Amino acid sequence: MTNNKLFDGIVVFVQVIKSGGFGAVAEVLGHSNSYISKEINKLESRLGVRLLNRTTRSVALTPEGDVYYQECLQLVMDAEQALGLMSQNSLNPKGLLKISCPVWLGSQYLQQVFSEYLTLYPDM
């Protein structure tokens, strides 16, 4: 297995289990049922194990699929958390802040405010 395909199909697989079927995932991800099915087939083929038992009305995890799902679920949750941290970091102010006020006002009243602000936002 090559590393560039390590995560291929994992998000789709996790979503299929969470939603209980291919149809719901296809709708959420904006793909067809056949696309979702092909992604799962490619994942199973790459792993060399059957992950899901499929019928026309339902999907169920195989024992191997259950083990794999638990690990994949954690991977997806960790990745989502990492994305959340990145977007949260992008919300913090960065750069140069210029304030115009009389010197006496800045030194007597705003110095503590500036200090607290720089502690909260060190990238300023």
C-alpha atoms as a PDB file:
ATOM      1  CA  MET A   1       0.000   0.000   0.000  1.00  0.00           C
ATOM      2  CA  THR A   2       1.412   3.382  -0.947  1.00  0.00           C
ATOM      3  CA  ASN A   3       1.255   6.223   1.545  1.00  0.00           C
ATOM      4  CA  ASN A   4      -0.427   8.579  -0.916  1.00  0.00           C
ATOM      5  CA  LYS A   5      -3.564   6.413  -0.713  1.00  0.00           C
ATOM      6  CA  LEU A   6      -3.417   5.787   3.029  1.00  0.00           C
ATOM      7  CA  PHE A   7      -6.516   7.831   3.859  1.00  0.00           C
ATOM      8  CA  ASP A   8      -8.487   7.323   0.641  1.00  0.00           C
ATOM      9  CA  GLY A   9     -12.056   6.280   1.400  1.00  0.00           C
ATOM     10  CA  ILE A  10     -11.821   6.619   5.176  1.00  0.00           C
ATOM     11  CA  VAL A  11     -14.095   9.643   5.488  1.00  0.00           C
ATOM     12  CA  VAL A  12     -16.657   8.042   3.173  1.00  0.00           C
ATOM     13  CA  PHE A  13     -16.472   4.784   5.157  1.00  0.00           C
ATOM     14  CA  VAL A  14     -17.014   6.576   8.475  1.00  0.00           C
ATOM     15  CA  GLN A  15     -19.903   8.584   7.032  1.00  0.00           C
ATOM     16  CA  VAL A  16     -21.583   5.425   5.695  1.00  0.00           C
ATOM     17  CA  ILE A  17     -21.558   3.910   9.179  1.00  0.00           C
ATOM     18  CA  LYS A  18     -22.664   7.101  10.900  1.00  0.00           C
ATOM     19  CA  SER A  19     -25.572   7.621   8.519  1.00  0.00           C
ATOM     20  CA  GLY A  20     -26.515   3.964   8.169  1.00  0.00           C
ATOM     21  CA  GLY A  21     -26.335   3.690   4.404  1.00  0.00           C
ATOM     22  CA  PHE A  22     -24.958   4.761   1.075  1.00  0.00           C
ATOM     23  CA  GLY A  23     -27.918   6.921   0.057  1.00  0.00           C
ATOM     24  CA  ALA A  24     -27.678   9.363   2.947  1.00  0.00           C
ATOM     25  CA  VAL A  25     -23.920   9.735   2.513  1.00  0.00           C
ATOM     26  CA  ALA A  26     -24.286  10.263  -1.222  1.00  0.00           C
ATOM     27  CA  GLU A  27     -26.728  13.083  -0.579  1.00  0.00           C
ATOM     28  CA  VAL A  28     -24.576  14.734   2.109  1.00  0.00           C
ATOM     29  CA  LEU A  29     -21.357  14.500   0.090  1.00  0.00           C
ATOM     30  CA  GLY A  30     -23.036  15.380  -3.205  1.00  0.00           C
ATOM     31  CA  HIS A  31     -22.157  12.123  -4.969  1.00  0.00           C
ATOM     32  CA  SER A  32     -24.122   9.216  -6.396  1.00  0.00           C
ATOM     33  CA  ASN A  33     -24.759   5.945  -4.577  1.00  0.00           C
ATOM     34  CA  SER A  34     -22.538   4.190  -7.113  1.00  0.00           C
ATOM     35  CA  TYR A  35     -19.658   6.558  -6.339  1.00  0.00           C
ATOM     36  CA  ILE A  36     -19.975   5.816  -2.616  1.00  0.00           C
ATOM     37  CA  SER A  37     -20.151   2.091  -3.334  1.00  0.00           C
ATOM     38  CA  LYS A  38     -17.043   2.273  -5.529  1.00  0.00           C
ATOM     39  CA  GLU A  39     -15.134   4.152  -2.834  1.00  0.00           C
ATOM     40  CA  ILE A  40     -15.981   1.472  -0.283  1.00  0.00           C
ATOM     41  CA  ASN A  41     -15.083  -1.282  -2.781  1.00  0.00           C
ATOM     42  CA  LYS A  42     -11.705   0.356  -3.465  1.00  0.00           C
ATOM     43  CA  LEU A  43     -11.046   0.681   0.280  1.00  0.00           C
ATOM     44  CA  GLU A  44     -11.937  -2.964   0.896  1.00  0.00           C
ATOM     45  CA  SER A  45      -9.800  -4.046  -2.047  1.00  0.00           C
ATOM     46  CA  ARG A  46      -6.842  -2.011  -0.849  1.00  0.00           C
ATOM     47  CA  LEU A  47      -7.151  -3.447   2.665  1.00  0.00           C
ATOM     48  CA  GLY A  48      -7.833  -6.975   1.442  1.00  0.00           C
ATOM     49  CA  VAL A  49     -10.778  -7.398   3.800  1.00  0.00           C
ATOM     50  CA  ARG A  50     -14.543  -6.987   3.650  1.00  0.00           C
ATOM     51  CA  LEU A  51     -15.654  -4.123   5.894  1.00  0.00           C
ATOM     52  CA  LEU A  52     -19.398  -4.121   5.258  1.00  0.00           C
ATOM     53  CA  ASN A  53     -22.153  -6.643   4.690  1.00  0.00           C
ATOM     54  CA  ARG A  54     -24.552  -4.996   2.240  1.00  0.00           C
ATOM     55  CA  THR A  55     -28.129  -5.696   1.370  1.00  0.00           C
ATOM     56  CA  THR A  56     -30.461  -3.576  -0.722  1.00  0.00           C
ATOM     57  CA  ARG A  57     -31.881  -2.067   2.458  1.00  0.00           C
ATOM     58  CA  SER A  58     -28.982  -1.884   4.918  1.00  0.00           C
ATOM     59  CA  VAL A  59     -25.282  -2.032   5.597  1.00  0.00           C
ATOM     60  CA  ALA A  60     -23.702  -3.691   8.621  1.00  0.00           C
ATOM     61  CA  LEU A  61     -20.129  -3.846   9.778  1.00  0.00           C
ATOM     62  CA  THR A  62     -18.234  -7.102   9.584  1.00  0.00           C
ATOM     63  CA  PRO A  63     -16.119  -7.880  12.681  1.00  0.00           C
ATOM     64  CA  GLU A  64     -13.057  -6.582  10.796  1.00  0.00           C
ATOM     65  CA  GLY A  65     -15.046  -3.561   9.682  1.00  0.00           C
ATOM     66  CA  ASP A  66     -15.996  -2.791  13.274  1.00  0.00           C
ATOM     67  CA  VAL A  67     -12.350  -2.745  14.386  1.00  0.00           C
ATOM     68  CA  TYR A  68     -11.360  -0.636  11.389  1.00  0.00           C
ATOM     69  CA  TYR A  69     -14.297   1.740  11.935  1.00  0.00           C
ATOM     70  CA  GLN A  70     -13.290   2.453  15.531  1.00  0.00           C
ATOM     71  CA  GLU A  71      -9.777   3.403  14.421  1.00  0.00           C
ATOM     72  CA  CYS A  72     -10.996   5.425  11.438  1.00  0.00           C
ATOM     73  CA  LEU A  73     -13.543   7.252  13.559  1.00  0.00           C
ATOM     74  CA  GLN A  74     -10.737   8.417  15.841  1.00  0.00           C
ATOM     75  CA  LEU A  75      -8.656   9.504  12.826  1.00  0.00           C
ATOM     76  CA  VAL A  76     -11.525  11.526  11.402  1.00  0.00           C
ATOM     77  CA  MET A  77     -12.286  13.138  14.775  1.00  0.00           C
ATOM     78  CA  ASP A  78      -8.600  14.029  15.246  1.00  0.00           C
ATOM     79  CA  ALA A  79      -8.440  15.541  11.755  1.00  0.00           C
ATOM     80  CA  GLU A  80     -11.598  17.569  12.378  1.00  0.00           C
ATOM     81  CA  GLN A  81     -10.162  18.805  15.673  1.00  0.00           C
ATOM     82  CA  ALA A  82      -6.927  19.811  13.924  1.00  0.00           C
ATOM     83  CA  LEU A  83      -8.913  21.759  11.324  1.00  0.00           C
ATOM     84  CA  GLY A  84     -10.845  23.444  14.104  1.00  0.00           C
ATOM     85  CA  LEU A  85      -7.613  24.509  15.767  1.00  0.00           C
ATOM     86  CA  MET A  86      -6.305  25.929  12.523  1.00  0.00           C
ATOM     87  CA  SER A  87      -9.445  27.930  11.855  1.00  0.00           C
ATOM     88  CA  GLN A  88      -9.477  29.098  15.476  1.00  0.00           C
ATOM     89  CA  ASN A  89      -5.862  30.265  15.139  1.00  0.00           C
ATOM     90  CA  SER A  90      -6.738  32.174  12.000  1.00  0.00           C
ATOM     91  CA  LEU A  91      -9.298  34.156  14.013  1.00  0.00           C
ATOM     92  CA  ASN A  92      -6.644  35.559  16.333  1.00  0.00           C
ATOM     93  CA  PRO A  93      -5.481  39.037  15.357  1.00  0.00           C
ATOM     94  CA  LYS A  94      -2.048  39.265  13.747  1.00  0.00           C
ATOM     95  CA  GLY A  95      -0.052  42.172  12.493  1.00  0.00           C
ATOM     96  CA  LEU A  96       0.511  45.762  13.455  1.00  0.00           C
ATOM     97  CA  LEU A  97      -2.046  47.786  15.415  1.00  0.00           C
ATOM     98  CA  LYS A  98      -1.687  51.552  15.256  1.00  0.00           C
ATOM     99  CA  ILE A  99      -3.440  53.700  17.821  1.00  0.00           C
ATOM    100  CA  SER A 100      -3.469  57.434  17.814  1.00  0.00           C
ATOM    101  CA  CYS A 101      -4.021  59.206  21.125  1.00  0.00           C
ATOM    102  CA  PRO A 102      -2.308  61.753  23.324  1.00  0.00           C
ATOM    103  CA  VAL A 103       0.833  60.380  24.977  1.00  0.00           C
ATOM    104  CA  TRP A 104      -0.447  61.143  28.485  1.00  0.00           C
ATOM    105  CA  LEU A 105      -3.627  59.112  27.822  1.00  0.00           C
ATOM    106  CA  GLY A 106      -1.668  56.116  26.501  1.00  0.00           C
ATOM    107  CA  SER A 107       0.861  56.101  29.309  1.00  0.00           C
ATOM    108  CA  GLN A 108      -1.597  56.723  32.181  1.00  0.00           C
ATOM    109  CA  TYR A 109      -4.728  54.862  31.135  1.00  0.00           C
ATOM    110  CA  LEU A 110      -4.056  52.559  28.224  1.00  0.00           C
ATOM    111  CA  GLN A 111      -0.685  51.006  29.095  1.00  0.00           C
ATOM    112  CA  GLN A 112      -2.306  48.183  31.124  1.00  0.00           C
ATOM    113  CA  VAL A 113      -4.895  47.614  28.400  1.00  0.00           C
ATOM    114  CA  PHE A 114      -2.142  47.349  25.769  1.00  0.00           C
ATOM    115  CA  SER A 115      -0.170  44.943  27.935  1.00  0.00           C
ATOM    116  CA  GLU A 116      -3.193  42.663  28.457  1.00  0.00           C
ATOM    117  CA  TYR A 117      -4.029  42.828  24.765  1.00  0.00           C
ATOM    118  CA  LEU A 118      -0.507  41.781  23.778  1.00  0.00           C
ATOM    119  CA  THR A 119      -0.658  38.917  26.284  1.00  0.00           C
ATOM    120  CA  LEU A 120      -3.901  37.697  24.698  1.00  0.00           C
ATOM    121  CA  TYR A 121      -2.694  38.225  21.130  1.00  0.00           C
ATOM    122  CA  PRO A 122       1.088  37.767  20.999  1.00  0.00           C
ATOM    123  CA  ASP A 123       1.122  37.884  17.173  1.00  0.00           C
ATOM    124  CA  MET A 124       0.230  41.563  17.245  1.00  0.00           C
END
